[in-house]
C-alpha cells in the first residue's frame, strides 16, 4: 500500500499488456543482448591482438640467450615450449582457414 502511495508500479497495470507489447519488449531485450555479446567478442578479440606470437617470443628469447641472460638449459626449455605453441597456432590457423591470427583475414586464393 505504501509503495503505491509513493509512486511505485500498479501491478494490475502490468498484467494488462497485450501480446504484441510483450513480444516487442522481448525482441528489444534479445536485440540488446546480441549487441552486448557482439561488443564483448569484439573487445575480447582486440585485447588478444597485442599478444606476441610464439615465433616473436622465440626471437626475443634467442636474443636474451645470446646476451647471456639465459642459460643453455633455460633456452632449450623455452624453445621446446614455444615450438609446441607455434605448432598449435599453425594447426589452429589451418583449421579456421585464417592466415594471420591477429588480422582475422582469410588468405588469398
Protein backbone atom coordinates (compact mmCIF):
# COMPACT_ATOMS: atom_id res chain seq x y z
CA UNK A 1 0.00 0.00 0.00
CA UNK A 2 2.75 2.44 0.94
CA UNK A 3 4.59 1.53 -2.27
CA UNK A 4 1.59 2.56 -4.38
CA UNK A 5 1.33 5.85 -2.49
CA UNK A 6 4.94 6.88 -3.21
CA UNK A 7 4.63 6.22 -6.91
CA UNK A 8 5.52 2.55 -7.34
CA UNK A 9 4.08 0.44 -10.15
CA UNK A 10 0.48 -0.66 -10.04
CA UNK A 11 0.75 -4.43 -10.50
CA UNK A 12 -2.72 -4.56 -12.06
CA UNK A 13 -1.42 -2.48 -14.97
CA UNK A 14 1.45 -4.91 -15.58
CA UNK A 15 -0.98 -7.70 -16.43
CA UNK A 16 -2.82 -5.55 -18.95
CA UNK A 17 -0.02 -5.57 -21.54
CA UNK A 18 -1.03 -7.05 -24.87
CA UNK A 19 0.74 -9.94 -26.53
CA UNK A 20 2.19 -7.56 -29.13
CA UNK A 21 3.66 -5.29 -26.46
CA UNK A 22 5.23 -8.23 -24.62
CA UNK A 23 6.60 -9.61 -27.91
CA UNK A 24 8.12 -6.24 -28.85
CA UNK A 25 9.68 -5.90 -25.41
CA UNK A 26 11.15 -9.42 -25.61
CA UNK A 27 12.50 -8.71 -29.10
CA UNK A 28 14.09 -5.46 -27.93
CA UNK A 29 15.72 -7.21 -24.97
CA UNK A 30 17.03 -10.01 -27.22
CA UNK A 31 18.44 -7.48 -29.70
CA UNK A 32 20.13 -5.56 -26.90
CA UNK A 33 21.66 -8.78 -25.57
CA UNK A 34 23.00 -9.64 -29.05
CA UNK A 35 24.62 -6.21 -29.33
CA UNK A 36 26.25 -6.62 -25.92
CA UNK A 37 27.57 -10.08 -26.84
CA UNK A 38 28.92 -8.78 -30.18
CA UNK A 39 30.68 -5.89 -28.44
CA UNK A 40 32.15 -8.21 -25.82
CA UNK A 41 33.50 -10.54 -28.52
CA UNK A 42 35.00 -7.64 -30.42
CA UNK A 43 36.65 -6.19 -27.31
CA UNK A 44 37.95 -9.57 -26.25
CA UNK A 45 39.33 -10.14 -29.75
CA UNK A 46 41.03 -6.75 -29.79
CA UNK A 47 42.64 -7.41 -26.44
CA UNK A 48 44.36 -10.51 -27.83
CA UNK A 49 45.90 -8.61 -30.75
CA UNK A 50 48.65 -7.17 -28.55
CA UNK A 51 49.90 -10.60 -27.52
CA UNK A 52 53.08 -11.57 -29.38
CA UNK A 53 53.13 -14.78 -31.38
CA UNK A 54 55.33 -17.65 -30.30
CA UNK A 55 57.82 -17.02 -33.11
CA UNK A 56 58.18 -13.39 -31.98
CA UNK A 57 58.72 -14.54 -28.41
CA UNK A 58 61.31 -17.08 -29.56
CA UNK A 59 63.24 -14.31 -31.31
CA UNK A 60 63.28 -12.25 -28.10
CA UNK A 61 64.42 -15.23 -26.00
CA UNK A 62 67.10 -16.07 -28.59
CA UNK A 63 68.46 -12.52 -28.25
CA UNK A 64 68.34 -12.76 -24.45
CA UNK A 65 70.24 -16.08 -24.59
CA UNK A 66 72.86 -14.58 -26.91
CA UNK A 67 73.44 -11.74 -24.41
CA UNK A 68 73.90 -14.27 -21.59
CA UNK A 69 70.57 -13.61 -19.88
CA UNK A 70 69.52 -17.28 -20.17
CA UNK A 71 71.47 -20.47 -19.66
CA UNK A 72 71.58 -23.09 -22.42
CA UNK A 73 69.19 -25.32 -20.45
CA UNK A 74 66.69 -22.49 -19.87
CA UNK A 75 66.78 -21.56 -23.54
CA UNK A 76 66.22 -25.18 -24.64
CA UNK A 77 63.22 -25.49 -22.32
CA UNK A 78 61.71 -22.24 -23.58
CA UNK A 79 62.43 -23.15 -27.20
CA UNK A 80 60.72 -26.54 -26.82
CA UNK A 81 57.66 -24.98 -25.19
CA UNK A 82 57.37 -22.24 -27.80
CA UNK A 83 57.86 -24.72 -30.65
CA UNK A 84 54.84 -26.70 -29.41
CA UNK A 85 52.84 -23.49 -29.05
CA UNK A 86 53.84 -22.40 -32.56
CA UNK A 87 52.73 -25.75 -34.00
CA UNK A 88 49.36 -25.36 -32.25
CA UNK A 89 48.99 -21.85 -33.69
CA UNK A 90 49.72 -23.15 -37.19
CA UNK A 91 47.24 -26.01 -36.74
CA UNK A 92 44.58 -23.57 -35.49
CA UNK A 93 45.22 -21.30 -38.49
CA UNK A 94 44.82 -24.24 -40.87
CA UNK A 95 41.61 -25.41 -39.19
CA UNK A 96 40.00 -21.96 -39.23
CA UNK A 97 41.34 -21.02 -42.66
CA UNK A 98 42.98 -17.88 -41.31
CA UNK A 99 46.48 -16.93 -42.31
CA UNK A 100 47.13 -14.32 -39.63
CA UNK A 101 45.55 -14.92 -36.22
CA UNK A 102 45.54 -11.23 -35.32
CA UNK A 103 44.00 -9.83 -38.52
CA UNK A 104 41.21 -12.37 -38.88
CA UNK A 105 41.57 -12.26 -42.66
CA UNK A 106 41.46 -15.32 -44.86
CA UNK A 107 44.48 -15.92 -47.06
CA UNK A 108 44.06 -15.04 -50.74
CA UNK A 109 43.04 -17.92 -53.03
